[in-house]
């Protein structure tokens, strides 16, 4: 079996297999895309699927740094909104599966 690629969360800096993280990248048009499976193209960053990591990444400007764009780039705000919705959706799914 091949080596599993290890990634680092931009929020908490935890390392782990790419499959444990949400991947967010900019598509060729500059839009933010949250990618949860398979390969894709574009400058990427990885984030644990937790609100705590999302907030840490936002406060410290780590997504803009990972993408090598200014902190006020519209795609950064778009990415944080998409990530927030993805994390909330996962939390709701988890709550329903616990019942």
C-alpha atoms as a PDB file:
ATOM      1  CA  UNK A   1       0.000   0.000   0.000  1.00  0.00           C
ATOM      2  CA  UNK A   2       1.231   3.505  -0.814  1.00  0.00           C
ATOM      3  CA  UNK A   3       2.091   6.278   1.564  1.00  0.00           C
ATOM      4  CA  UNK A   4      -0.880   8.363   2.790  1.00  0.00           C
ATOM      5  CA  UNK A   5      -0.344  12.097   2.196  1.00  0.00           C
ATOM      6  CA  UNK A   6      -0.250  14.081   5.432  1.00  0.00           C
ATOM      7  CA  UNK A   7      -1.741  17.574   5.631  1.00  0.00           C
ATOM      8  CA  UNK A   8      -1.831  20.314   8.280  1.00  0.00           C
ATOM      9  CA  UNK A   9      -4.922  22.182   9.495  1.00  0.00           C
ATOM     10  CA  UNK A  10      -4.536  25.938   8.966  1.00  0.00           C
ATOM     11  CA  UNK A  11      -6.513  26.533  12.184  1.00  0.00           C
ATOM     12  CA  UNK A  12      -4.988  24.305  14.865  1.00  0.00           C
ATOM     13  CA  UNK A  13      -1.891  23.068  12.954  1.00  0.00           C
ATOM     14  CA  UNK A  14      -2.799  19.401  13.636  1.00  0.00           C
ATOM     15  CA  UNK A  15      -1.308  16.984  11.117  1.00  0.00           C
ATOM     16  CA  UNK A  16      -3.154  14.014   9.685  1.00  0.00           C
ATOM     17  CA  UNK A  17      -4.267  12.235   6.522  1.00  0.00           C
ATOM     18  CA  UNK A  18      -5.879  14.499   3.922  1.00  0.00           C
ATOM     19  CA  UNK A  19      -9.132  12.538   4.274  1.00  0.00           C
ATOM     20  CA  UNK A  20      -9.647  13.953   7.800  1.00  0.00           C
ATOM     21  CA  UNK A  21      -9.758  17.568   6.619  1.00  0.00           C
ATOM     22  CA  UNK A  22     -11.903  19.875   4.558  1.00  0.00           C
ATOM     23  CA  UNK A  23      -9.987  21.150   1.552  1.00  0.00           C
ATOM     24  CA  UNK A  24     -10.653  24.641   0.268  1.00  0.00           C
ATOM     25  CA  UNK A  25      -9.153  25.957  -2.937  1.00  0.00           C
ATOM     26  CA  UNK A  26      -9.564  28.730  -5.486  1.00  0.00           C
ATOM     27  CA  UNK A  27     -10.813  27.641  -8.862  1.00  0.00           C
ATOM     28  CA  UNK A  28      -9.342  29.168 -12.057  1.00  0.00           C
ATOM     29  CA  UNK A  29     -12.020  31.896 -11.890  1.00  0.00           C
ATOM     30  CA  UNK A  30     -10.885  32.898  -8.389  1.00  0.00           C
ATOM     31  CA  UNK A  31     -13.942  31.469  -6.591  1.00  0.00           C
ATOM     32  CA  UNK A  32     -13.632  29.514  -3.361  1.00  0.00           C
ATOM     33  CA  UNK A  33     -14.486  25.812  -3.510  1.00  0.00           C
ATOM     34  CA  UNK A  34     -14.808  23.482  -0.525  1.00  0.00           C
ATOM     35  CA  UNK A  35     -13.731  20.051  -1.713  1.00  0.00           C
ATOM     36  CA  UNK A  36     -14.397  16.958   0.359  1.00  0.00           C
ATOM     37  CA  UNK A  37     -13.252  14.149  -1.939  1.00  0.00           C
ATOM     38  CA  UNK A  38     -10.819  13.309  -4.708  1.00  0.00           C
ATOM     39  CA  UNK A  39      -8.284  15.436  -6.501  1.00  0.00           C
ATOM     40  CA  UNK A  40      -8.792  18.961  -7.770  1.00  0.00           C
ATOM     41  CA  UNK A  41      -6.679  21.789  -9.076  1.00  0.00           C
ATOM     42  CA  UNK A  42      -5.800  25.093  -7.487  1.00  0.00           C
ATOM     43  CA  UNK A  43      -3.985  26.540  -4.506  1.00  0.00           C
ATOM     44  CA  UNK A  44      -5.329  24.677  -1.469  1.00  0.00           C
ATOM     45  CA  UNK A  45      -5.555  24.826   2.290  1.00  0.00           C
ATOM     46  CA  UNK A  46      -6.788  22.169   4.714  1.00  0.00           C
ATOM     47  CA  UNK A  47      -8.963  22.641   7.782  1.00  0.00           C
ATOM     48  CA  UNK A  48     -10.337  20.362  10.493  1.00  0.00           C
ATOM     49  CA  UNK A  49     -14.134  20.250  10.197  1.00  0.00           C
ATOM     50  CA  UNK A  50     -14.643  22.274  13.397  1.00  0.00           C
ATOM     51  CA  UNK A  51     -15.869  25.787  14.148  1.00  0.00           C
ATOM     52  CA  UNK A  52     -12.915  26.304  16.505  1.00  0.00           C
ATOM     53  CA  UNK A  53     -10.366  25.681  13.742  1.00  0.00           C
ATOM     54  CA  UNK A  54     -12.328  27.819  11.296  1.00  0.00           C
ATOM     55  CA  UNK A  55     -12.299  30.760  13.719  1.00  0.00           C
ATOM     56  CA  UNK A  56      -8.580  30.341  14.479  1.00  0.00           C
ATOM     57  CA  UNK A  57      -7.751  30.301  10.761  1.00  0.00           C
ATOM     58  CA  UNK A  58      -9.881  33.406  10.172  1.00  0.00           C
ATOM     59  CA  UNK A  59      -8.400  35.391  13.075  1.00  0.00           C
ATOM     60  CA  UNK A  60      -4.818  34.583  12.117  1.00  0.00           C
ATOM     61  CA  UNK A  61      -5.249  35.223   8.381  1.00  0.00           C
ATOM     62  CA  UNK A  62      -3.992  31.764   7.521  1.00  0.00           C
ATOM     63  CA  UNK A  63      -6.232  31.097   4.525  1.00  0.00           C
ATOM     64  CA  UNK A  64      -5.107  34.257   2.732  1.00  0.00           C
ATOM     65  CA  UNK A  65      -1.508  33.360   3.526  1.00  0.00           C
ATOM     66  CA  UNK A  66      -1.951  29.789   2.246  1.00  0.00           C
ATOM     67  CA  UNK A  67      -3.520  31.083  -0.970  1.00  0.00           C
ATOM     68  CA  UNK A  68      -0.930  33.873  -1.250  1.00  0.00           C
ATOM     69  CA  UNK A  69      -3.595  36.555  -1.644  1.00  0.00           C
ATOM     70  CA  UNK A  70      -4.420  39.731   0.318  1.00  0.00           C
ATOM     71  CA  UNK A  71      -6.570  39.169   3.425  1.00  0.00           C
ATOM     72  CA  UNK A  72      -9.334  41.314   1.904  1.00  0.00           C
ATOM     73  CA  UNK A  73      -9.573  39.201  -1.274  1.00  0.00           C
ATOM     74  CA  UNK A  74     -13.309  38.446  -1.795  1.00  0.00           C
ATOM     75  CA  UNK A  75     -12.577  34.732  -2.251  1.00  0.00           C
ATOM     76  CA  UNK A  76     -11.289  34.545   1.336  1.00  0.00           C
ATOM     77  CA  UNK A  77     -14.598  35.779   2.792  1.00  0.00           C
ATOM     78  CA  UNK A  78     -16.481  33.498   0.387  1.00  0.00           C
ATOM     79  CA  UNK A  79     -14.384  30.526   1.512  1.00  0.00           C
ATOM     80  CA  UNK A  80     -15.024  31.161   5.196  1.00  0.00           C
ATOM     81  CA  UNK A  81     -18.776  31.368   4.577  1.00  0.00           C
ATOM     82  CA  UNK A  82     -18.759  28.110   2.577  1.00  0.00           C
ATOM     83  CA  UNK A  83     -16.631  26.383   5.210  1.00  0.00           C
ATOM     84  CA  UNK A  84     -18.957  27.583   7.985  1.00  0.00           C
ATOM     85  CA  UNK A  85     -21.981  26.136   6.147  1.00  0.00           C
ATOM     86  CA  UNK A  86     -20.166  22.839   5.495  1.00  0.00           C
ATOM     87  CA  UNK A  87     -19.168  22.499   9.158  1.00  0.00           C
ATOM     88  CA  UNK A  88     -22.692  23.368  10.368  1.00  0.00           C
ATOM     89  CA  UNK A  89     -24.148  20.809   7.953  1.00  0.00           C
ATOM     90  CA  UNK A  90     -21.798  18.124   9.235  1.00  0.00           C
ATOM     91  CA  UNK A  91     -22.674  18.967  12.839  1.00  0.00           C
ATOM     92  CA  UNK A  92     -26.411  18.703  12.085  1.00  0.00           C
ATOM     93  CA  UNK A  93     -25.892  15.345  10.356  1.00  0.00           C
ATOM     94  CA  UNK A  94     -23.923  14.132  13.355  1.00  0.00           C
ATOM     95  CA  UNK A  95     -26.672  15.271  15.776  1.00  0.00           C
ATOM     96  CA  UNK A  96     -29.324  13.392  13.789  1.00  0.00           C
ATOM     97  CA  UNK A  97     -27.249  10.222  13.557  1.00  0.00           C
ATOM     98  CA  UNK A  98     -26.774  10.207  17.348  1.00  0.00           C
ATOM     99  CA  UNK A  99     -30.517   9.910  17.977  1.00  0.00           C
END
